[in-house]
């Protein structure tokens, strides 16, 4: 289940914990716990999105153009990307 969670995060198609929970057919609380566990293990990092007019576009952002202007998002760390690549290979 944790491997699937990491794969969904890497795919970048799901913008909220609710959407990931629906895709995985689990509760939002379960997804929160998985995210916390994966962050504690160094596979994920949380980014807080605070985009505003001062920042010119999405240049340099790890989730360019896929965010909602405010809120929290999770992205894979280098360790997380390596783990997902290992699952696919």
PDB file of N, CA and C in Angstrom:
ATOM      1  N   UNK A   1       0.826  -1.189   0.000  1.00  0.00           N
ATOM      2  CA  UNK A   1       0.000   0.000   0.000  1.00  0.00           C
ATOM      3  C   UNK A   1       0.874   1.259   0.000  1.00  0.00           C
ATOM      4  N   UNK A   2       1.970   1.241   0.771  1.00  0.00           N
ATOM      5  CA  UNK A   2       2.849   2.407   0.808  1.00  0.00           C
ATOM      6  C   UNK A   2       3.534   2.627  -0.536  1.00  0.00           C
ATOM      7  N   UNK A   3       3.861   1.544  -1.223  1.00  0.00           N
ATOM      8  CA  UNK A   3       4.472   1.663  -2.549  1.00  0.00           C
ATOM      9  C   UNK A   3       3.502   2.318  -3.527  1.00  0.00           C
ATOM     10  N   UNK A   4       2.254   1.916  -3.470  1.00  0.00           N
ATOM     11  CA  UNK A   4       1.248   2.519  -4.354  1.00  0.00           C
ATOM     12  C   UNK A   4       1.080   4.004  -4.036  1.00  0.00           C
ATOM     13  N   UNK A   5       1.072   4.317  -2.761  1.00  0.00           N
ATOM     14  CA  UNK A   5       0.964   5.710  -2.337  1.00  0.00           C
ATOM     15  C   UNK A   5       2.100   6.537  -2.939  1.00  0.00           C
ATOM     16  N   UNK A   6       3.336   6.046  -2.832  1.00  0.00           N
ATOM     17  CA  UNK A   6       4.480   6.764  -3.397  1.00  0.00           C
ATOM     18  C   UNK A   6       4.352   6.904  -4.907  1.00  0.00           C
ATOM     19  N   UNK A   7       3.864   5.863  -5.557  1.00  0.00           N
ATOM     20  CA  UNK A   7       3.686   5.925  -7.015  1.00  0.00           C
ATOM     21  C   UNK A   7       2.669   6.990  -7.406  1.00  0.00           C
ATOM     22  N   UNK A   8       1.593   7.108  -6.641  1.00  0.00           N
ATOM     23  CA  UNK A   8       0.581   8.128  -6.925  1.00  0.00           C
ATOM     24  C   UNK A   8       1.147   9.532  -6.722  1.00  0.00           C
ATOM     25  N   UNK A   9       1.951   9.695  -5.683  1.00  0.00           N
ATOM     26  CA  UNK A   9       2.575  10.997  -5.448  1.00  0.00           C
ATOM     27  C   UNK A   9       3.500  11.336  -6.613  1.00  0.00           C
ATOM     28  N   UNK A  10       4.277  10.359  -7.064  1.00  0.00           N
ATOM     29  CA  UNK A  10       5.202  10.610  -8.167  1.00  0.00           C
ATOM     30  C   UNK A  10       4.455  10.960  -9.450  1.00  0.00           C
ATOM     31  N   UNK A  11       3.346  10.284  -9.697  1.00  0.00           N
ATOM     32  CA  UNK A  11       2.583  10.548 -10.919  1.00  0.00           C
ATOM     33  C   UNK A  11       2.086  11.991 -10.962  1.00  0.00           C
ATOM     34  N   UNK A  12       1.858  12.576  -9.780  1.00  0.00           N
ATOM     35  CA  UNK A  12       1.474  13.978  -9.721  1.00  0.00           C
ATOM     36  C   UNK A  12       0.072  14.276 -10.214  1.00  0.00           C
ATOM     37  N   UNK A  13      -0.741  13.248 -10.379  1.00  0.00           N
ATOM     38  CA  UNK A  13      -2.090  13.448 -10.904  1.00  0.00           C
ATOM     39  C   UNK A  13      -3.084  13.845  -9.822  1.00  0.00           C
ATOM     40  N   UNK A  14      -2.754  13.614  -8.580  1.00  0.00           N
ATOM     41  CA  UNK A  14      -3.690  13.823  -7.489  1.00  0.00           C
ATOM     42  C   UNK A  14      -3.227  15.000  -6.657  1.00  0.00           C
ATOM     43  N   UNK A  15      -4.078  15.961  -6.497  1.00  0.00           N
ATOM     44  CA  UNK A  15      -3.696  17.215  -5.879  1.00  0.00           C
ATOM     45  C   UNK A  15      -4.055  17.317  -4.406  1.00  0.00           C
ATOM     46  N   UNK A  16      -4.806  16.398  -3.881  1.00  0.00           N
ATOM     47  CA  UNK A  16      -5.179  16.504  -2.478  1.00  0.00           C
ATOM     48  C   UNK A  16      -5.171  15.128  -1.840  1.00  0.00           C
ATOM     49  N   UNK A  17      -5.098  15.132  -0.518  1.00  0.00           N
ATOM     50  CA  UNK A  17      -5.157  13.868   0.206  1.00  0.00           C
ATOM     51  C   UNK A  17      -6.488  13.171  -0.045  1.00  0.00           C
ATOM     52  N   UNK A  18      -7.552  13.954  -0.201  1.00  0.00           N
ATOM     53  CA  UNK A  18      -8.861  13.378  -0.489  1.00  0.00           C
ATOM     54  C   UNK A  18      -8.844  12.624  -1.815  1.00  0.00           C
ATOM     55  N   UNK A  19      -8.238  13.211  -2.837  1.00  0.00           N
ATOM     56  CA  UNK A  19      -8.177  12.538  -4.141  1.00  0.00           C
ATOM     57  C   UNK A  19      -7.351  11.258  -4.069  1.00  0.00           C
ATOM     58  N   UNK A  20      -6.241  11.296  -3.327  1.00  0.00           N
ATOM     59  CA  UNK A  20      -5.423  10.093  -3.168  1.00  0.00           C
ATOM     60  C   UNK A  20      -6.210   9.039  -2.406  1.00  0.00           C
ATOM     61  N   UNK A  21      -6.911   9.444  -1.352  1.00  0.00           N
ATOM     62  CA  UNK A  21      -7.720   8.498  -0.575  1.00  0.00           C
ATOM     63  C   UNK A  21      -8.773   7.833  -1.451  1.00  0.00           C
ATOM     64  N   UNK A  22      -9.417   8.606  -2.294  1.00  0.00           N
ATOM     65  CA  UNK A  22     -10.430   8.036  -3.194  1.00  0.00           C
ATOM     66  C   UNK A  22      -9.802   7.037  -4.157  1.00  0.00           C
ATOM     67  N   UNK A  23      -8.653   7.393  -4.719  1.00  0.00           N
ATOM     68  CA  UNK A  23      -7.982   6.508  -5.668  1.00  0.00           C
ATOM     69  C   UNK A  23      -7.560   5.197  -5.000  1.00  0.00           C
ATOM     70  N   UNK A  24      -7.134   5.285  -3.744  1.00  0.00           N
ATOM     71  CA  UNK A  24      -6.663   4.100  -3.027  1.00  0.00           C
ATOM     72  C   UNK A  24      -7.778   3.388  -2.271  1.00  0.00           C
ATOM     73  N   UNK A  25      -8.962   4.000  -2.237  1.00  0.00           N
ATOM     74  CA  UNK A  25     -10.106   3.437  -1.524  1.00  0.00           C
ATOM     75  C   UNK A  25      -9.817   3.261  -0.023  1.00  0.00           C
ATOM     76  N   UNK A  26      -9.238   4.318   0.560  1.00  0.00           N
ATOM     77  CA  UNK A  26      -8.963   4.350   1.994  1.00  0.00           C
ATOM     78  C   UNK A  26      -9.422   5.708   2.526  1.00  0.00           C
ATOM     79  N   UNK A  27      -9.367   5.870   3.837  1.00  0.00           N
ATOM     80  CA  UNK A  27      -9.783   7.142   4.437  1.00  0.00           C
ATOM     81  C   UNK A  27      -8.692   8.206   4.271  1.00  0.00           C
ATOM     82  N   UNK A  28      -9.109   9.454   4.362  1.00  0.00           N
ATOM     83  CA  UNK A  28      -8.157  10.562   4.313  1.00  0.00           C
ATOM     84  C   UNK A  28      -7.192  10.458   5.490  1.00  0.00           C
ATOM     85  N   UNK A  29      -7.696  10.030   6.645  1.00  0.00           N
ATOM     86  CA  UNK A  29      -6.838   9.866   7.815  1.00  0.00           C
ATOM     87  C   UNK A  29      -5.736   8.842   7.538  1.00  0.00           C
ATOM     88  N   UNK A  30      -6.067   7.763   6.841  1.00  0.00           N
ATOM     89  CA  UNK A  30      -5.067   6.753   6.488  1.00  0.00           C
ATOM     90  C   UNK A  30      -4.009   7.355   5.571  1.00  0.00           C
ATOM     91  N   UNK A  31      -4.434   8.156   4.608  1.00  0.00           N
ATOM     92  CA  UNK A  31      -3.484   8.797   3.693  1.00  0.00           C
ATOM     93  C   UNK A  31      -2.588   9.762   4.470  1.00  0.00           C
ATOM     94  N   UNK A  32      -3.152  10.495   5.417  1.00  0.00           N
ATOM     95  CA  UNK A  32      -2.352  11.398   6.256  1.00  0.00           C
ATOM     96  C   UNK A  32      -1.282  10.627   7.024  1.00  0.00           C
ATOM     97  N   UNK A  33      -1.679   9.486   7.578  1.00  0.00           N
ATOM     98  CA  UNK A  33      -0.719   8.664   8.328  1.00  0.00           C
ATOM     99  C   UNK A  33       0.378   8.135   7.415  1.00  0.00           C
ATOM    100  N   UNK A  34      -0.011   7.682   6.196  1.00  0.00           N
ATOM    101  CA  UNK A  34       0.991   7.195   5.244  1.00  0.00           C
ATOM    102  C   UNK A  34       1.959   8.314   4.871  1.00  0.00           C
ATOM    103  N   UNK A  35       1.427   9.503   4.619  1.00  0.00           N
ATOM    104  CA  UNK A  35       2.280  10.637   4.260  1.00  0.00           C
ATOM    105  C   UNK A  35       3.243  10.959   5.402  1.00  0.00           C
ATOM    106  N   UNK A  36       2.734  10.960   6.613  1.00  0.00           N
ATOM    107  CA  UNK A  36       3.591  11.227   7.770  1.00  0.00           C
ATOM    108  C   UNK A  36       4.679  10.184   7.934  1.00  0.00           C
ATOM    109  N   UNK A  37       4.308   8.924   7.767  1.00  0.00           N
ATOM    110  CA  UNK A  37       5.285   7.841   7.885  1.00  0.00           C
ATOM    111  C   UNK A  37       6.349   7.937   6.795  1.00  0.00           C
ATOM    112  N   UNK A  38       5.914   8.200   5.572  1.00  0.00           N
ATOM    113  CA  UNK A  38       6.872   8.299   4.468  1.00  0.00           C
ATOM    114  C   UNK A  38       7.776   9.527   4.621  1.00  0.00           C
ATOM    115  N   UNK A  39       7.242  10.597   5.181  1.00  0.00           N
ATOM    116  CA  UNK A  39       8.068  11.782   5.448  1.00  0.00           C
ATOM    117  C   UNK A  39       9.087  11.473   6.545  1.00  0.00           C
ATOM    118  N   UNK A  40       8.642  10.798   7.600  1.00  0.00           N
ATOM    119  CA  UNK A  40       9.552  10.431   8.688  1.00  0.00           C
ATOM    120  C   UNK A  40      10.682   9.534   8.196  1.00  0.00           C
ATOM    121  N   UNK A  41      10.400   8.687   7.221  1.00  0.00           N
ATOM    122  CA  UNK A  41      11.403   7.775   6.668  1.00  0.00           C
ATOM    123  C   UNK A  41      12.270   8.435   5.596  1.00  0.00           C
ATOM    124  N   UNK A  42      11.925   9.657   5.217  1.00  0.00           N
ATOM    125  CA  UNK A  42      12.734  10.383   4.251  1.00  0.00           C
ATOM    126  C   UNK A  42      12.356  10.179   2.794  1.00  0.00           C
ATOM    127  N   UNK A  43      11.159   9.618   2.534  1.00  0.00           N
ATOM    128  CA  UNK A  43      10.715   9.390   1.161  1.00  0.00           C
ATOM    129  C   UNK A  43       9.916  10.562   0.592  1.00  0.00           C
ATOM    130  N   UNK A  44       9.340  11.353   1.465  1.00  0.00           N
ATOM    131  CA  UNK A  44       8.501  12.487   1.062  1.00  0.00           C
ATOM    132  C   UNK A  44       8.924  13.731   1.804  1.00  0.00           C
ATOM    133  N   UNK A  45       8.628  14.861   1.188  1.00  0.00           N
ATOM    134  CA  UNK A  45       8.730  16.109   1.925  1.00  0.00           C
ATOM    135  C   UNK A  45       7.488  16.929   1.624  1.00  0.00           C
ATOM    136  N   UNK A  46       7.068  17.640   2.628  1.00  0.00           N
ATOM    137  CA  UNK A  46       5.890  18.492   2.478  1.00  0.00           C
ATOM    138  C   UNK A  46       6.343  19.865   2.021  1.00  0.00           C
ATOM    139  N   UNK A  47       5.622  20.403   1.067  1.00  0.00           N
ATOM    140  CA  UNK A  47       5.881  21.781   0.674  1.00  0.00           C
ATOM    141  C   UNK A  47       4.613  22.572   0.932  1.00  0.00           C
ATOM    142  N   UNK A  48       4.793  23.737   1.437  1.00  0.00           N
ATOM    143  CA  UNK A  48       3.648  24.617   1.681  1.00  0.00           C
ATOM    144  C   UNK A  48       3.579  25.599   0.538  1.00  0.00           C
ATOM    145  N   UNK A  49       2.449  25.630  -0.082  1.00  0.00           N
ATOM    146  CA  UNK A  49       2.269  26.490  -1.246  1.00  0.00           C
ATOM    147  C   UNK A  49       1.728  27.835  -0.802  1.00  0.00           C
ATOM    148  N   UNK A  50       2.497  28.832  -1.038  1.00  0.00           N
ATOM    149  CA  UNK A  50       2.092  30.183  -0.678  1.00  0.00           C
ATOM    150  C   UNK A  50       2.380  31.106  -1.847  1.00  0.00           C
ATOM    151  N   UNK A  51       1.976  30.676  -3.015  1.00  0.00           N
ATOM    152  CA  UNK A  51       2.217  31.463  -4.221  1.00  0.00           C
ATOM    153  C   UNK A  51       1.390  32.746  -4.158  1.00  0.00           C
ATOM    154  N   UNK A  52       1.969  33.796  -4.668  1.00  0.00           N
ATOM    155  CA  UNK A  52       1.235  35.051  -4.773  1.00  0.00           C
ATOM    156  C   UNK A  52       1.796  35.841  -5.951  1.00  0.00           C
ATOM    157  N   UNK A  53       1.297  37.023  -6.130  1.00  0.00           N
ATOM    158  CA  UNK A  53       1.692  37.830  -7.288  1.00  0.00           C
ATOM    159  C   UNK A  53       3.169  38.205  -7.270  1.00  0.00           C
ATOM    160  N   UNK A  54       3.817  38.114  -6.112  1.00  0.00           N
ATOM    161  CA  UNK A  54       5.231  38.458  -6.013  1.00  0.00           C
ATOM    162  C   UNK A  54       6.086  37.429  -6.748  1.00  0.00           C
ATOM    163  N   UNK A  55       5.667  36.167  -6.725  1.00  0.00           N
ATOM    164  CA  UNK A  55       6.418  35.114  -7.394  1.00  0.00           C
ATOM    165  C   UNK A  55       5.996  35.040  -8.852  1.00  0.00           C
ATOM    166  N   UNK A  56       6.940  35.167  -9.762  1.00  0.00           N
ATOM    167  CA  UNK A  56       6.591  35.136 -11.188  1.00  0.00           C
ATOM    168  C   UNK A  56       6.384  33.717 -11.703  1.00  0.00           C
ATOM    169  N   UNK A  57       5.182  33.244 -11.651  1.00  0.00           N
ATOM    170  CA  UNK A  57       4.873  31.932 -12.206  1.00  0.00           C
ATOM    171  C   UNK A  57       5.366  30.785 -11.356  1.00  0.00           C
ATOM    172  N   UNK A  58       5.566  29.655 -12.008  1.00  0.00           N
ATOM    173  CA  UNK A  58       5.890  28.410 -11.315  1.00  0.00           C
ATOM    174  C   UNK A  58       7.350  27.994 -11.492  1.00  0.00           C
ATOM    175  N   UNK A  59       8.174  28.828 -12.078  1.00  0.00           N
ATOM    176  CA  UNK A  59       9.560  28.455 -12.364  1.00  0.00           C
ATOM    177  C   UNK A  59      10.263  27.945 -11.107  1.00  0.00           C
ATOM    178  N   UNK A  60      10.847  26.775 -11.217  1.00  0.00           N
ATOM    179  CA  UNK A  60      11.601  26.203 -10.114  1.00  0.00           C
ATOM    180  C   UNK A  60      10.784  25.422  -9.108  1.00  0.00           C
ATOM    181  N   UNK A  61       9.484  25.439  -9.210  1.00  0.00           N
ATOM    182  CA  UNK A  61       8.635  24.706  -8.273  1.00  0.00           C
ATOM    183  C   UNK A  61       8.599  23.230  -8.665  1.00  0.00           C
ATOM    184  N   UNK A  62       8.688  22.298  -7.689  1.00  0.00           N
ATOM    185  CA  UNK A  62       8.689  20.877  -8.032  1.00  0.00           C
ATOM    186  C   UNK A  62       7.358  20.348  -8.568  1.00  0.00           C
ATOM    187  N   UNK A  63       6.295  21.119  -8.446  1.00  0.00           N
ATOM    188  CA  UNK A  63       5.004  20.660  -8.989  1.00  0.00           C
ATOM    189  C   UNK A  63       4.416  21.714  -9.917  1.00  0.00           C
ATOM    190  N   UNK A  64       5.252  22.228 -10.783  1.00  0.00           N
ATOM    191  CA  UNK A  64       4.875  23.303 -11.706  1.00  0.00           C
ATOM    192  C   UNK A  64       3.495  23.141 -12.318  1.00  0.00           C
ATOM    193  N   UNK A  65       2.640  24.125 -12.106  1.00  0.00           N
ATOM    194  CA  UNK A  65       1.343  24.188 -12.763  1.00  0.00           C
ATOM    195  C   UNK A  65       0.329  23.161 -12.311  1.00  0.00           C
ATOM    196  N   UNK A  66       0.648  22.340 -11.316  1.00  0.00           N
ATOM    197  CA  UNK A  66      -0.270  21.285 -10.885  1.00  0.00           C
ATOM    198  C   UNK A  66      -0.849  21.568  -9.504  1.00  0.00           C
ATOM    199  N   UNK A  67      -0.613  22.749  -9.004  1.00  0.00           N
ATOM    200  CA  UNK A  67      -1.028  23.025  -7.630  1.00  0.00           C
ATOM    201  C   UNK A  67      -2.294  23.874  -7.579  1.00  0.00           C
ATOM    202  N   UNK A  68      -2.758  23.975  -6.373  1.00  0.00           N
ATOM    203  CA  UNK A  68      -3.780  24.953  -6.061  1.00  0.00           C
ATOM    204  C   UNK A  68      -3.023  26.057  -5.331  1.00  0.00           C
ATOM    205  N   UNK A  69      -3.348  27.305  -5.527  1.00  0.00           N
ATOM    206  CA  UNK A  69      -2.497  28.396  -5.058  1.00  0.00           C
ATOM    207  C   UNK A  69      -2.168  28.426  -3.573  1.00  0.00           C
ATOM    208  N   UNK A  70      -2.888  27.747  -2.750  1.00  0.00           N
ATOM    209  CA  UNK A  70      -2.546  27.713  -1.330  1.00  0.00           C
ATOM    210  C   UNK A  70      -2.817  26.319  -0.810  1.00  0.00           C
ATOM    211  N   UNK A  71      -2.062  25.922   0.178  1.00  0.00           N
ATOM    212  CA  UNK A  71      -2.291  24.618   0.763  1.00  0.00           C
ATOM    213  C   UNK A  71      -1.010  23.837   0.934  1.00  0.00           C
ATOM    214  N   UNK A  72      -1.157  22.527   1.131  1.00  0.00           N
ATOM    215  CA  UNK A  72      -0.022  21.650   1.367  1.00  0.00           C
ATOM    216  C   UNK A  72       0.034  20.612   0.261  1.00  0.00           C
ATOM    217  N   UNK A  73       1.234  20.293  -0.140  1.00  0.00           N
ATOM    218  CA  UNK A  73       1.458  19.263  -1.143  1.00  0.00           C
ATOM    219  C   UNK A  73       2.628  18.415  -0.676  1.00  0.00           C
ATOM    220  N   UNK A  74       2.674  17.199  -1.172  1.00  0.00           N
ATOM    221  CA  UNK A  74       3.776  16.297  -0.878  1.00  0.00           C
ATOM    222  C   UNK A  74       4.523  16.024  -2.163  1.00  0.00           C
ATOM    223  N   UNK A  75       5.834  15.991  -2.077  1.00  0.00           N
ATOM    224  CA  UNK A  75       6.666  15.624  -3.215  1.00  0.00           C
ATOM    225  C   UNK A  75       7.659  14.565  -2.757  1.00  0.00           C
ATOM    226  N   UNK A  76       8.077  13.728  -3.700  1.00  0.00           N
ATOM    227  CA  UNK A  76       9.062  12.706  -3.384  1.00  0.00           C
ATOM    228  C   UNK A  76      10.436  13.334  -3.216  1.00  0.00           C
ATOM    229  N   UNK A  77      11.174  12.829  -2.253  1.00  0.00           N
ATOM    230  CA  UNK A  77      12.573  13.198  -2.113  1.00  0.00           C
ATOM    231  C   UNK A  77      13.374  12.348  -3.095  1.00  0.00           C
ATOM    232  N   UNK A  78      14.664  12.566  -3.139  1.00  0.00           N
ATOM    233  CA  UNK A  78      15.520  11.731  -3.990  1.00  0.00           C
ATOM    234  C   UNK A  78      15.392  10.261  -3.586  1.00  0.00           C
ATOM    235  N   UNK A  79      15.342  10.003  -2.291  1.00  0.00           N
ATOM    236  CA  UNK A  79      15.174   8.636  -1.785  1.00  0.00           C
ATOM    237  C   UNK A  79      13.837   8.056  -2.243  1.00  0.00           C
ATOM    238  N   UNK A  80      12.788   8.864  -2.223  1.00  0.00           N
ATOM    239  CA  UNK A  80      11.471   8.417  -2.673  1.00  0.00           C
ATOM    240  C   UNK A  80      11.445   8.109  -4.159  1.00  0.00           C
ATOM    241  N   UNK A  81      12.071   8.972  -4.963  1.00  0.00           N
ATOM    242  CA  UNK A  81      12.133   8.727  -6.412  1.00  0.00           C
ATOM    243  C   UNK A  81      12.905   7.448  -6.711  1.00  0.00           C
ATOM    244  N   UNK A  82      13.997   7.217  -5.980  1.00  0.00           N
ATOM    245  CA  UNK A  82      14.783   5.996  -6.178  1.00  0.00           C
ATOM    246  C   UNK A  82      13.958   4.763  -5.810  1.00  0.00           C
ATOM    247  N   UNK A  83      13.166   4.865  -4.749  1.00  0.00           N
ATOM    248  CA  UNK A  83      12.333   3.732  -4.333  1.00  0.00           C
ATOM    249  C   UNK A  83      11.288   3.404  -5.387  1.00  0.00           C
ATOM    250  N   UNK A  84      10.646   4.425  -5.937  1.00  0.00           N
ATOM    251  CA  UNK A  84       9.631   4.194  -6.966  1.00  0.00           C
ATOM    252  C   UNK A  84      10.282   3.631  -8.224  1.00  0.00           C
ATOM    253  N   UNK A  85      11.446   4.149  -8.597  1.00  0.00           N
ATOM    254  CA  UNK A  85      12.157   3.627  -9.773  1.00  0.00           C
ATOM    255  C   UNK A  85      12.514   2.164  -9.574  1.00  0.00           C
ATOM    256  N   UNK A  86      12.909   1.802  -8.369  1.00  0.00           N
ATOM    257  CA  UNK A  86      13.233   0.410  -8.063  1.00  0.00           C
ATOM    258  C   UNK A  86      12.030  -0.505  -8.158  1.00  0.00           C
ATOM    259  N   UNK A  87      10.847   0.015  -7.834  1.00  0.00           N
ATOM    260  CA  UNK A  87       9.614  -0.782  -7.932  1.00  0.00           C
ATOM    261  C   UNK A  87       9.253  -1.043  -9.380  1.00  0.00           C
ATOM    262  N   UNK A  88       9.547  -0.075 -10.243  1.00  0.00           N
ATOM    263  CA  UNK A  88       9.163  -0.182 -11.649  1.00  0.00           C
ATOM    264  C   UNK A  88      10.173  -0.986 -12.450  1.00  0.00           C
ATOM    265  N   UNK A  89      11.392  -1.091 -11.961  1.00  0.00           N
ATOM    266  CA  UNK A  89      12.462  -1.735 -12.719  1.00  0.00           C
ATOM    267  C   UNK A  89      12.615  -3.153 -12.449  1.00  0.00           C
TER     268      UNK A  89
END
